[in-house]
Protein backbone atom coordinates (compact mmCIF):
# COMPACT_ATOMS: atom_id res chain seq x y z
CA MET A 1 -23.87 13.66 -18.30
CA THR A 2 -24.46 14.53 -21.68
CA GLY A 3 -25.30 12.45 -25.13
CA GLN A 4 -27.72 10.14 -26.20
CA GLY A 5 -26.54 6.93 -27.10
CA THR A 6 -24.08 5.00 -24.81
CA PRO A 7 -20.69 5.68 -27.03
CA ASP A 8 -21.78 9.48 -26.87
CA ARG A 9 -22.09 9.72 -23.12
CA VAL A 10 -19.62 11.99 -21.54
CA TYR A 11 -19.55 11.93 -17.60
CA GLY A 12 -17.93 14.94 -15.97
CA HIS A 13 -17.68 16.97 -12.82
CA PHE A 14 -15.56 19.84 -11.15
CA LEU A 15 -14.28 20.86 -7.78
CA CYS A 16 -13.50 23.97 -6.84
CA ARG A 17 -11.54 24.85 -3.69
CA GLY A 18 -13.42 25.18 -0.75
CA ASP A 19 -12.89 28.76 -0.01
CA GLN A 20 -13.70 30.14 -3.46
CA THR A 21 -16.63 32.22 -4.12
CA GLN A 22 -19.21 31.33 -6.99
CA ALA A 23 -17.90 33.71 -9.20
CA LEU A 24 -14.29 32.84 -8.76
CA CYS A 25 -15.26 29.17 -9.14
CA ARG A 26 -17.25 29.62 -12.29
CA ASP A 27 -14.42 31.48 -14.12
CA CYS A 28 -12.03 28.89 -13.15
CA VAL A 29 -14.35 26.10 -14.45
CA ALA A 30 -14.98 28.06 -17.52
CA TYR A 31 -11.44 28.22 -18.28
CA ALA A 32 -10.73 24.71 -17.52
CA SER A 33 -13.54 23.57 -20.01
CA ARG A 34 -11.57 25.30 -22.81
CA ASP A 35 -8.18 24.50 -21.58
CA ILE A 36 -8.54 20.81 -21.19
CA LEU A 37 -10.03 20.43 -24.94
CA GLN A 38 -6.62 21.84 -25.93
CA LYS A 39 -4.31 19.94 -23.38
CA CYS A 40 -6.26 16.59 -24.06
CA PRO A 41 -7.60 16.53 -27.54
CA GLU A 42 -9.30 13.48 -28.36
CA GLU A 43 -9.00 11.70 -24.96
CA LYS A 44 -11.92 9.86 -23.44
CA VAL A 45 -10.63 10.54 -19.86
CA SER A 46 -8.85 13.59 -18.72
CA THR A 47 -8.54 15.70 -15.62
CA VAL A 48 -6.89 19.00 -15.34
CA TRP A 49 -5.97 20.71 -11.81
CA TYR A 50 -5.49 24.52 -11.18
CA ASP A 51 -5.04 26.29 -7.95
CA GLN A 52 -8.50 27.24 -7.70
CA CYS A 53 -10.49 24.34 -9.23
CA MET A 54 -10.37 20.56 -10.66
CA LEU A 55 -12.43 19.45 -13.99
CA THR A 56 -12.31 15.97 -15.07
CA TYR A 57 -14.64 13.97 -17.68
CA SER A 58 -14.91 10.47 -18.74
CA ASN A 59 -16.77 7.93 -21.14
CA GLN A 60 -17.39 6.10 -17.80
CA PRO A 61 -19.59 6.79 -14.74
CA ILE A 62 -17.22 8.60 -12.32
CA LEU A 63 -19.53 9.91 -9.56
CA SER A 64 -19.45 8.44 -5.87
CA THR A 65 -16.50 6.40 -7.08
CA ILE A 66 -12.78 6.98 -5.43
CA ARG A 67 -10.31 7.46 -8.25
CA TYR A 68 -6.71 7.29 -7.21
CA GLU A 69 -5.16 7.91 -10.24
CA PRO A 70 -3.77 9.71 -12.26
CA VAL A 71 -1.83 11.66 -9.28
CA VAL A 72 0.04 14.90 -9.48
CA GLU A 73 2.57 16.12 -6.92
CA MET A 74 4.26 19.33 -6.63
CA VAL A 75 7.01 20.23 -4.09
CA ASN A 76 8.38 23.23 -2.96
CA VAL A 77 12.07 22.28 -3.18
CA ALA A 78 13.18 24.80 -0.37
CA ASN A 79 14.22 23.12 2.81
CA ILE A 80 12.67 23.51 6.05
CA SER A 81 14.55 24.23 9.34
CA ASP A 82 13.91 21.66 11.96
CA PRO A 83 12.54 19.08 9.42
CA THR A 84 11.75 16.58 12.23
CA ARG A 85 9.68 18.62 14.19
CA PHE A 86 8.08 20.26 11.34
CA ASN A 87 6.98 16.82 9.84
CA SER A 88 5.71 15.49 13.08
CA LEU A 89 3.64 18.81 13.44
CA LEU A 90 2.36 18.29 9.97
CA ASP A 91 1.49 14.76 10.62
CA GLU A 92 -0.40 15.58 13.58
CA ARG A 93 -2.48 18.46 11.85
CA LEU A 94 -3.16 16.79 8.93
CA ASN A 95 -4.67 13.49 10.70
CA SER A 96 -7.12 15.69 12.57
CA LEU A 97 -8.10 17.47 9.44
CA ILE A 98 -8.91 14.32 7.39
CA PRO A 99 -11.96 13.31 9.62
CA LYS A 100 -13.26 16.95 9.74
CA ALA A 101 -12.99 17.15 5.97
CA ALA A 102 -14.82 13.68 5.41
CA ARG A 103 -17.66 14.58 7.63
CA GLY A 104 -18.31 17.82 6.04
CA GLN A 105 -16.86 20.64 8.42
CA PHE A 106 -18.82 23.31 6.07
CA PRO A 107 -22.16 23.01 4.65
CA GLY A 108 -21.92 21.03 1.27
CA LYS A 109 -18.20 20.85 1.12
CA LYS A 110 -15.78 18.17 2.14
CA PHE A 111 -13.30 20.70 2.85
CA ALA A 112 -11.07 21.56 5.85
CA VAL A 113 -7.97 23.88 6.54
CA ASP A 114 -5.78 24.63 9.41
CA LYS A 115 -3.09 27.32 10.50
CA VAL A 116 -0.55 26.41 13.29
CA ASN A 117 2.69 28.52 14.20
CA PHE A 118 5.56 26.58 13.43
CA THR A 119 8.06 29.42 14.68
CA VAL A 120 7.71 32.69 15.97
CA LEU A 121 7.83 34.18 12.06
CA GLN A 122 6.54 31.14 10.26
CA ALA A 123 3.26 29.44 10.16
CA LEU A 124 1.87 26.53 8.49
CA TYR A 125 -1.17 26.32 6.46
CA LYS A 126 -2.86 23.18 5.70
CA LEU A 127 -5.88 22.10 3.22
CA VAL A 128 -7.51 18.90 2.38
CA GLN A 129 -10.58 18.72 0.34
CA CYS A 130 -12.68 15.76 -1.18
CA THR A 131 -15.23 15.82 -4.06
CA PRO A 132 -18.55 16.21 -2.34
CA ASP A 133 -20.14 13.07 -4.04
CA LEU A 134 -18.05 10.73 -2.09
CA THR A 135 -19.12 9.04 1.18
CA THR A 136 -17.67 10.04 4.55
CA LEU A 137 -15.97 6.63 4.49
CA ASP A 138 -14.80 7.07 0.74
CA CYS A 139 -13.41 10.36 1.47
CA THR A 140 -11.62 9.24 4.47
CA MET A 141 -10.00 6.25 2.42
CA CYS A 142 -9.12 8.71 -0.18
CA LEU A 143 -7.46 11.20 1.87
CA GLN A 144 -5.66 8.53 3.93
CA THR A 145 -3.95 7.01 1.01
CA ALA A 146 -2.86 10.41 -0.32
CA PHE A 147 -1.42 10.89 3.06
CA GLN A 148 0.51 7.83 2.96
CA GLY A 149 2.73 9.03 0.04
CA PHE A 150 2.35 12.76 0.57
CA PRO A 151 5.74 14.54 0.45
CA ARG A 152 7.06 15.79 3.52
CA GLY A 153 10.22 18.11 4.90
CA ARG A 154 10.11 20.91 2.48
CA GLN A 155 8.30 24.54 2.74
CA GLY A 156 5.10 23.18 0.67
CA SER A 157 3.80 20.50 -1.15
CA ARG A 158 0.45 19.46 -3.13
CA TYR A 159 -1.11 16.20 -3.90
CA PHE A 160 -3.89 15.83 -6.32
CA ASN A 161 -5.87 13.04 -7.49
CA PRO A 162 -9.24 13.05 -9.21
CA SER A 163 -11.05 12.70 -5.89
CA CYS A 164 -9.19 14.33 -3.12
CA VAL A 165 -6.70 16.74 -2.63
CA ILE A 166 -4.13 17.47 0.20
CA ARG A 167 -1.90 20.45 0.21
CA TYR A 168 0.33 22.60 3.04
CA GLU A 169 2.47 25.80 2.68
CA THR A 170 4.45 28.24 4.79
CA TYR A 171 2.29 30.83 3.22
CA VAL A 172 -1.53 31.57 3.14
CA LEU A 173 -2.79 29.18 0.72
CA TYR A 174 -6.73 29.91 0.92
CA ASP A 175 -8.74 33.12 1.64
CA GLU A 176 -9.09 33.17 5.64
CA THR A 177 -11.97 35.73 5.44
CA ALA A 178 -14.08 33.65 2.98
CA VAL A 179 -13.23 30.46 5.22
CA ALA A 180 -14.37 32.52 8.13
CA LEU A 181 -17.79 33.37 6.47
CA LEU A 182 -18.26 29.53 5.67
CA SER A 183 -18.61 28.61 9.30
CA PRO A 184 -22.19 28.43 10.10
CA PRO A 185 -23.18 29.82 13.80
CA ALA A 186 -23.17 27.02 16.41
CA PRO A 187 -26.64 26.02 17.21
CA SER A 188 -28.05 26.11 20.56
CA PRO A 189 -27.98 23.08 22.92
CA ALA A 190 -31.61 22.46 23.04
CA ASN A 191 -31.78 22.89 19.01
CA ARG A 192 -28.59 20.89 18.51
CA GLU A 193 -29.16 17.86 16.22
CA VAL A 194 -26.94 14.73 17.25
CA PRO A 195 -25.95 12.96 13.99
CA PRO A 196 -25.94 9.33 13.95
CA PRO A 197 -22.37 7.90 14.25
CA THR A 198 -20.28 6.80 11.61
CA PRO A 199 -19.93 3.11 11.49
CA SER A 200 -16.25 3.57 11.01
CA LEU A 201 -16.04 5.48 14.26
CA VAL A 202 -18.45 3.37 16.66
CA PRO A 203 -16.29 1.44 18.92
CA ARG A 204 -17.14 -2.37 18.78
CA PRO A 205 -16.17 -4.98 20.97
CA LYS A 206 -12.82 -6.74 19.78
CA VAL A 207 -13.41 -9.87 18.08
CA GLY A 208 -9.82 -10.83 16.65
CA ASN A 209 -9.14 -11.12 13.17
CA ASP A 210 -12.54 -12.92 12.05
CA ILE A 211 -14.39 -11.89 8.91
CA THR A 212 -17.14 -10.18 11.18
CA ASN A 213 -14.73 -7.13 11.43
CA VAL A 214 -15.69 -6.24 7.79
CA GLU A 215 -18.64 -4.37 7.81
CA SER A 216 -19.84 -4.98 3.77
CA LEU A 217 -18.63 -6.05 0.57
CA GLN A 218 -19.16 -3.04 -1.83
CA PHE A 219 -19.28 -5.35 -4.96
CA ASP A 220 -21.82 -7.95 -5.17
CA PHE A 221 -21.29 -11.10 -7.04
CA ALA A 222 -23.06 -9.87 -10.40
CA THR A 223 -20.67 -6.82 -10.50
CA VAL A 224 -17.54 -8.91 -10.32
CA GLN A 225 -19.08 -11.52 -12.78
CA ALA A 226 -19.95 -8.75 -15.13
CA ALA A 227 -16.63 -6.92 -14.79
CA THR A 228 -14.72 -10.31 -15.48
CA GLU A 229 -16.91 -11.30 -18.27
CA ASP A 230 -18.26 -14.40 -16.22
CA PHE A 231 -14.72 -15.27 -15.11
CA SER A 232 -13.78 -15.86 -18.68
CA ALA A 233 -10.56 -17.93 -19.34
CA ASN A 234 -9.19 -15.00 -21.42
CA ASN A 235 -9.22 -12.79 -18.31
CA LYS A 236 -7.43 -15.16 -16.12
CA LEU A 237 -4.25 -14.01 -14.90
CA GLY A 238 -3.02 -16.94 -12.87
CA GLU A 239 -3.71 -19.61 -10.18
CA GLY A 240 -2.51 -20.15 -6.62
CA GLY A 241 -3.21 -22.79 -4.10
CA PHE A 242 -6.30 -21.16 -2.88
CA GLY A 243 -8.02 -20.08 -6.09
CA LYS A 244 -7.69 -18.42 -9.49
CA VAL A 245 -7.04 -14.60 -10.30
CA TYR A 246 -8.66 -12.62 -12.93
CA LYS A 247 -8.55 -9.38 -14.46
CA GLY A 248 -11.51 -7.21 -15.12
CA VAL A 249 -12.86 -3.63 -15.62
CA LEU A 250 -15.61 -1.96 -13.35
CA PRO A 251 -18.50 0.14 -14.77
CA THR A 252 -16.58 3.06 -13.80
CA GLY A 253 -13.61 1.98 -16.20
CA GLN A 254 -11.32 1.28 -13.40
CA PRO A 255 -9.22 -2.11 -13.96
CA ILE A 256 -9.17 -4.56 -11.15
CA ALA A 257 -7.87 -8.08 -10.31
CA VAL A 258 -10.44 -10.49 -8.98
CA LYS A 259 -9.23 -13.37 -6.67
CA ARG A 260 -11.91 -16.23 -6.54
CA LEU A 261 -11.50 -18.42 -3.63
CA SER A 262 -11.72 -22.51 -4.69
CA VAL A 263 -15.01 -23.81 -3.49
CA SER A 264 -13.04 -27.36 -2.54
CA SER A 265 -10.33 -25.26 -0.58
CA GLU A 266 -11.38 -25.27 3.07
CA GLN A 267 -8.11 -24.04 4.47
CA GLY A 268 -8.20 -21.20 1.45
CA ALA A 269 -11.39 -19.81 3.15
CA GLU A 270 -9.40 -19.09 6.32
CA GLU A 271 -6.67 -17.65 4.27
CA PHE A 272 -9.09 -15.62 2.43
CA LYS A 273 -10.53 -14.14 5.39
CA ASN A 274 -7.29 -13.20 6.78
CA GLU A 275 -6.08 -11.49 3.47
CA VAL A 276 -9.09 -9.49 3.41
CA MET A 277 -8.57 -8.46 7.16
CA VAL A 278 -5.09 -7.62 6.40
CA VAL A 279 -5.23 -5.46 3.06
CA ALA A 280 -8.29 -3.60 3.96
CA LYS A 281 -6.37 -2.21 6.95
CA LEU A 282 -3.60 -1.24 4.62
CA GLN A 283 -2.96 1.63 2.18
CA HIS A 284 0.66 2.20 1.40
CA LYS A 285 2.18 3.08 -2.05
CA ASN A 286 4.16 -0.31 -2.03
CA LEU A 287 1.04 -2.66 -1.23
CA VAL A 288 -1.59 -3.66 -4.21
CA ARG A 289 -4.67 -1.65 -3.06
CA GLN A 290 -7.82 -3.69 -2.45
CA LEU A 291 -11.31 -2.27 -3.29
CA GLY A 292 -14.33 -3.07 -1.83
CA PHE A 293 -14.32 -3.70 1.86
CA CYS A 294 -14.70 -1.43 4.72
CA MET A 295 -13.28 -1.82 8.34
CA GLU A 296 -14.74 -0.86 11.45
CA GLY A 297 -13.72 -0.88 15.09
CA GLU A 298 -10.46 0.03 16.84
CA GLU A 299 -7.48 0.67 14.90
CA LYS A 300 -3.86 0.25 15.61
CA ILE A 301 -0.54 0.94 14.03
CA LEU A 302 0.24 -2.16 12.37
CA VAL A 303 3.46 -4.38 11.76
CA ILE A 304 2.77 -6.98 8.75
CA ILE A 305 4.54 -10.11 8.82
CA HIS A 306 4.03 -11.74 5.59
CA ARG A 307 5.15 -15.21 6.02
CA ASP A 308 4.88 -15.80 2.17
CA LEU A 309 7.37 -13.46 0.53
CA LYS A 310 8.65 -14.52 -2.77
CA THR A 311 9.25 -13.06 -6.29
CA SER A 312 5.97 -14.11 -7.85
CA ASN A 313 4.12 -12.04 -4.94
CA VAL A 314 6.02 -8.86 -5.71
CA LEU A 315 4.52 -7.13 -8.90
CA LEU A 316 5.70 -4.24 -11.05
CA ASP A 317 3.76 -1.53 -12.25
CA MET A 318 4.20 0.35 -15.45
CA ALA A 319 6.84 2.63 -14.07
CA MET A 320 8.67 -0.48 -12.48
CA ASN A 321 7.45 0.46 -8.94
CA PRO A 322 7.17 -2.82 -6.81
CA LYS A 323 3.93 -3.68 -5.21
CA VAL A 324 3.62 -6.39 -2.69
CA ALA A 325 0.60 -8.73 -3.33
CA ASP A 326 -1.08 -12.09 -2.03
CA PHE A 327 -1.54 -11.45 1.72
CA GLY A 328 -3.08 -14.64 2.54
CA MET A 329 -0.41 -15.81 4.71
CA ALA A 330 0.07 -12.47 6.41
CA LYS A 331 -0.34 -11.77 10.13
CA ILE A 332 -1.82 -8.41 11.88
CA PHE A 333 0.39 -7.45 14.59
CA GLY A 334 0.31 -4.57 17.13
CA VAL A 335 3.12 -2.28 17.29
CA ASP A 336 4.53 -3.66 20.60
CA GLN A 337 4.53 -7.20 18.90
CA THR A 338 7.19 -8.43 16.75
CA HIS A 339 7.29 -12.04 17.03
CA GLY A 340 4.89 -15.20 17.68
CA THR A 341 4.00 -18.83 17.00
CA THR A 342 1.53 -20.80 14.88
CA ASN A 343 0.46 -24.27 15.06
CA LYS A 344 -0.36 -24.17 11.27
CA VAL A 345 2.91 -23.68 8.81
CA VAL A 346 1.89 -22.55 5.56
CA GLY A 347 4.00 -20.86 2.64
CA THR A 348 6.25 -21.72 -0.33
CA TYR A 349 9.33 -24.19 0.60
CA GLY A 350 12.39 -22.43 -0.19
CA TYR A 351 11.45 -19.05 1.14
CA MET A 352 10.36 -19.98 4.61
CA SER A 353 12.92 -19.25 7.41
CA PRO A 354 14.16 -22.33 9.28
CA GLU A 355 12.67 -21.41 12.64
CA TYR A 356 9.26 -20.80 10.77
CA ALA A 357 9.29 -24.02 8.86
CA MET A 358 10.61 -26.40 11.73
CA HIS A 359 9.16 -24.73 14.82
CA GLY A 360 6.17 -22.32 13.62
CA LYS A 361 8.22 -19.14 15.00
CA PHE A 362 7.81 -16.12 12.82
CA SER A 363 9.01 -12.53 13.38
CA VAL A 364 10.04 -9.70 11.24
CA LYS A 365 13.19 -11.70 10.73
CA SER A 366 11.20 -14.23 8.90
CA ASP A 367 10.65 -11.79 6.11
CA VAL A 368 14.05 -10.65 6.08
CA TYR A 369 15.03 -14.51 5.25
CA SER A 370 12.41 -14.42 2.39
CA PHE A 371 13.87 -11.29 1.20
CA GLY A 372 17.45 -12.76 1.01
CA VAL A 373 15.94 -15.46 -1.19
CA MET A 374 14.63 -12.96 -3.55
CA VAL A 375 17.50 -10.91 -3.88
CA LEU A 376 19.48 -13.97 -5.00
CA GLU A 377 16.74 -14.87 -7.39
CA ILE A 378 16.95 -11.40 -8.85
CA ILE A 379 20.59 -11.48 -9.16
CA SER A 380 21.03 -14.96 -10.64
CA GLY A 381 17.85 -14.85 -12.79
CA GLU A 382 17.20 -18.21 -11.43
CA ARG A 383 14.27 -19.60 -9.22
CA ASN A 384 15.10 -21.25 -5.82
CA SER A 385 13.06 -24.27 -6.97
CA SER A 386 15.12 -24.67 -10.26
CA PHE A 387 17.77 -25.82 -8.20
CA TYR A 388 15.58 -28.58 -6.81
CA GLU A 389 14.58 -29.76 -10.24
CA SER A 390 18.18 -29.70 -11.84
CA GLY A 391 19.98 -31.55 -8.82
CA THR A 392 23.01 -29.39 -9.37
CA ALA A 393 22.66 -27.84 -5.53
CA GLU A 394 20.36 -28.32 -2.75
CA ASP A 395 19.09 -24.73 -3.20
CA LEU A 396 19.85 -21.15 -4.12
CA PRO A 397 21.39 -20.18 -1.11
CA SER A 398 23.61 -23.05 -0.74
CA HIS A 399 24.88 -22.45 -4.61
CA ALA A 400 25.37 -18.59 -3.70
CA TRP A 401 27.20 -19.74 -0.37
CA LYS A 402 29.56 -22.09 -2.23
CA HIS A 403 30.59 -19.24 -4.65
CA TRP A 404 31.14 -16.74 -1.89
CA ARG A 405 33.15 -19.23 0.00
CA ASP A 406 35.40 -20.15 -3.11
CA GLY A 407 35.89 -16.47 -3.92
CA THR A 408 33.68 -16.60 -6.97
CA PRO A 409 30.63 -14.73 -5.94
CA LEU A 410 30.19 -13.32 -9.62
CA GLU A 411 29.49 -16.89 -11.12
CA VAL A 412 26.05 -16.75 -9.18
CA LEU A 413 25.32 -13.48 -11.63
CA ASP A 414 22.81 -13.65 -14.64
CA PRO A 415 24.89 -13.87 -17.73
CA ILE A 416 22.58 -11.44 -19.14
CA LEU A 417 23.73 -8.82 -16.55
CA LYS A 418 27.33 -9.28 -16.61
CA ASP A 419 28.03 -6.65 -19.00
CA SER A 420 25.53 -4.15 -17.75
CA CYS A 421 26.03 -3.97 -13.98
CA SER A 422 28.49 -2.94 -11.27
CA ARG A 423 30.41 -5.91 -10.41
CA ASN A 424 31.31 -4.41 -6.80
CA GLU A 425 27.30 -3.65 -6.54
CA VAL A 426 26.70 -7.32 -7.46
CA ILE A 427 28.81 -8.74 -5.00
CA ARG A 428 27.57 -6.32 -2.01
CA CYS A 429 24.03 -7.49 -2.60
CA ILE A 430 24.93 -11.18 -2.89
CA GLN A 431 26.59 -10.18 0.67
CA MET A 432 23.39 -8.89 1.87
CA SER A 433 21.26 -11.68 0.80
CA LEU A 434 23.49 -14.11 2.55
CA LEU A 435 23.29 -11.87 5.73
CA CYS A 436 19.59 -12.25 5.39
CA LEU A 437 19.92 -16.08 5.43
CA GLN A 438 21.67 -16.49 8.80
CA GLU A 439 20.31 -19.32 10.64
CA ASP A 440 20.05 -17.33 13.94
CA PRO A 441 17.39 -14.57 13.30
CA ALA A 442 19.19 -12.31 15.83
CA SER A 443 21.93 -12.53 13.02
CA ARG A 444 20.12 -11.10 10.30
CA PRO A 445 19.73 -7.43 9.75
CA SER A 446 16.63 -5.43 10.13
CA MET A 447 14.93 -4.32 7.15
CA ALA A 448 15.77 -0.80 8.07
CA THR A 449 19.23 -1.93 8.31
CA LEU A 450 18.74 -3.31 4.75
CA ALA A 451 17.53 -0.33 3.15
CA LEU A 452 20.49 1.71 4.59
CA MET A 453 22.80 -0.90 3.18
CA LEU A 454 21.03 -0.88 -0.19
CA ASN A 455 21.22 3.11 -0.44
CA SER A 456 24.84 3.90 0.91
CA CYS A 457 28.14 2.08 -0.02
CA SER A 458 29.85 3.56 2.70
CA VAL A 459 28.16 1.22 5.42
CA THR A 460 30.40 -1.84 5.89
CA LEU A 461 28.74 -5.24 5.77
CA PRO A 462 29.46 -7.93 8.33
CA VAL A 463 31.06 -11.05 7.07
CA PRO A 464 28.34 -13.75 6.57
CA GLU A 465 28.53 -16.98 7.95
CA LYS A 466 27.17 -20.08 6.51
CA PRO A 467 23.39 -19.87 5.86
CA ALA A 468 20.61 -22.06 6.89
CA PHE A 469 19.90 -24.91 3.98
CA PHE A 470 17.19 -27.41 3.69
CA PRO A 471 17.63 -30.50 2.01
CA ARG A 472 14.92 -31.73 0.45
CA SER A 473 13.60 -34.44 -1.67
CA ARG A 474 12.91 -33.51 -5.48
CA THR A 475 9.68 -34.80 -5.40
CA GLY A 476 8.37 -32.72 -2.35
CA GLN A 477 5.60 -30.06 -3.07
CA GLN A 478 6.39 -26.63 -3.31
CA ASN A 479 3.44 -25.32 -1.35
CA LEU A 480 3.53 -26.80 2.19
CA GLU A 481 1.08 -26.95 4.74
CA PHE A 482 1.92 -28.79 8.15
CA GLY A 483 -0.12 -29.98 10.61
CA LYS A 484 -0.16 -29.12 14.56
CA LEU A 485 3.38 -28.31 15.81
CA ILE A 486 4.61 -28.36 19.38
CA ALA A 487 4.04 -25.22 21.08
CA VAL A 488 6.76 -22.79 21.42
CA SER A 489 7.13 -19.75 23.70
CA VAL A 490 7.20 -16.55 22.17
CA ASN A 491 10.05 -15.50 24.51
CA GLU A 492 12.37 -17.95 22.85
CA VAL A 493 12.92 -15.08 20.02
CA SER A 494 13.43 -11.59 21.07
CA ILE A 495 13.19 -9.07 18.48
CA THR A 496 13.08 -5.58 19.07
CA ASP A 497 13.03 -3.69 15.77
CA ILE A 498 11.22 -0.44 15.58
CA GLU A 499 8.72 -0.49 12.60
CA PRO A 500 7.70 2.64 10.82
CA ARG A 501 4.43 3.78 10.79
C-alpha cells in the first residue's frame, strides 16, 4: 500500500507461478508494473496476467479477499481424442489438486501441479494456484468456482481471475525440476506435527438443513450497514414477501446485494435459513453467488428443486447472461432423490405446477412447469398475472393453448418482436412451453431434453395436449402459502431424470 491520504492510496499485489525462481519472478513483475500503466492508463482497478506472473492494483483494499472478476479464459482450439475419458480424467485430477493447493502443498505457496498419462504418447499436465493471502477455505471456494465454468475437452485451457488460476495442457507447462526442489523432505514420524483439522473437512453429525450447519457469518451487521449506507431507501432494489433487498459496496469495492429479513415474518425466517443453506453450497455460472457463509460437514452431489421459479427470479448481467436468484423456496436433494412432498406449499400462484399447488408433491418436473410459464411470458411480453387482472383469460397458459388449438399461435407473440424474430422458432418455443405445462408430470420433458430441443431444430417435438389450468378469483393473492395438506407418498410420482453434477 502506498499514498498518504485516502484518495491517494493504492493497494496492490502480485502472484508468480509457483515454480518460478526469485529472479524470474522479479523480472516478470518488473515488466508487468510498466506494462500495466501502458495498457490500463488512469484506471483505478487493473489486473494483468502473463504466463509467469499476475499483477493487480486497486484504490480499495484487496488482500485476503476473493475476487472472482474479471475473468480471462484461454482455450487451445485443437480437439482431443476420446474427450469423454479425457474430461473424466481431467476432472478427477483437478478435484484432487484443489485441496492440495488450498492447504499449501509447498511452503509459502498455495500451489499444486500434477502429471498423468492420457495415452502412451500424450500426458496431461495440470496446475492450480491461489494468492497466498487467501485462507484455506477461500482458496478452495475460488478454485471450485473456477472449476465449475472451466473449459474442457480441448488440448489446453487456462482460467485466470485475480485470486486464483486453473490451467491444463498436453505439454509441460511448469518447470518440473523447480517443482521437485520445492518439495521439503518428509519429517520423521517422531517429529511430524499433526496440523489441526480444517473446519470444512471435519466430519460432523448430520443435522438436516438447520442453520447450525452454517459455520459463521463472515460479515457482521456493522459492515453490511455501512455497505448499504444504513439500508438507505436510495439503495433499495426491491421488496419480496420476506424482506427487502438493498444494493451495497463492501470496503473492498465489491458490489453486493443484501437481503434483509422482515422482523415480523416468522415464516420468512425459515425460508431465509433455507436460502442460506442452498446457495452457500452452490457455485455455478448461472446462479447468483452468495457471499459470507461457510459450510462444513459431509458434502453431497446436489439436485436443486427451486419451487418458485419465475421471471422476476431470473436476473441478467451486463452480458445478458441469466442468473437464477432468490432460493427461499428451494430444496436440497441428494443425487438419488428427485421428488418429494411438503406439508407447506409456498410459492407464486401461476408458476406452481398443479401437483405441487394441490397436493404438495414437488419434483424436478415442478421446475419444468415453471419454466414453461416463463417461456410464454418472454414470448408474449406479458406477465401471467396480467391475465387475471384483465379478465380476458384464466391465465397465460390457457391463452396460449387457445391460439395453439385454433392454429393462430403467433397471436401470442409480443408485437414488438414480430418483425425481428423467426416465426418458426417462435412457434417451436410455444410448443415447447405447452409441453412443459402438461398436467401429468411424466408427460413433461426433462430439462436435458428441453436443452436439446432449444439447441437443435432437427428434434421432432411431440404434439402437446391441453395443459393444466387453474381457475382463480381475481381477488386472490399472488403469493400463496397453504396450511397442512394430506400426506402423499413420494412413491406416487416416479421421476428418474439424471441430473448433471
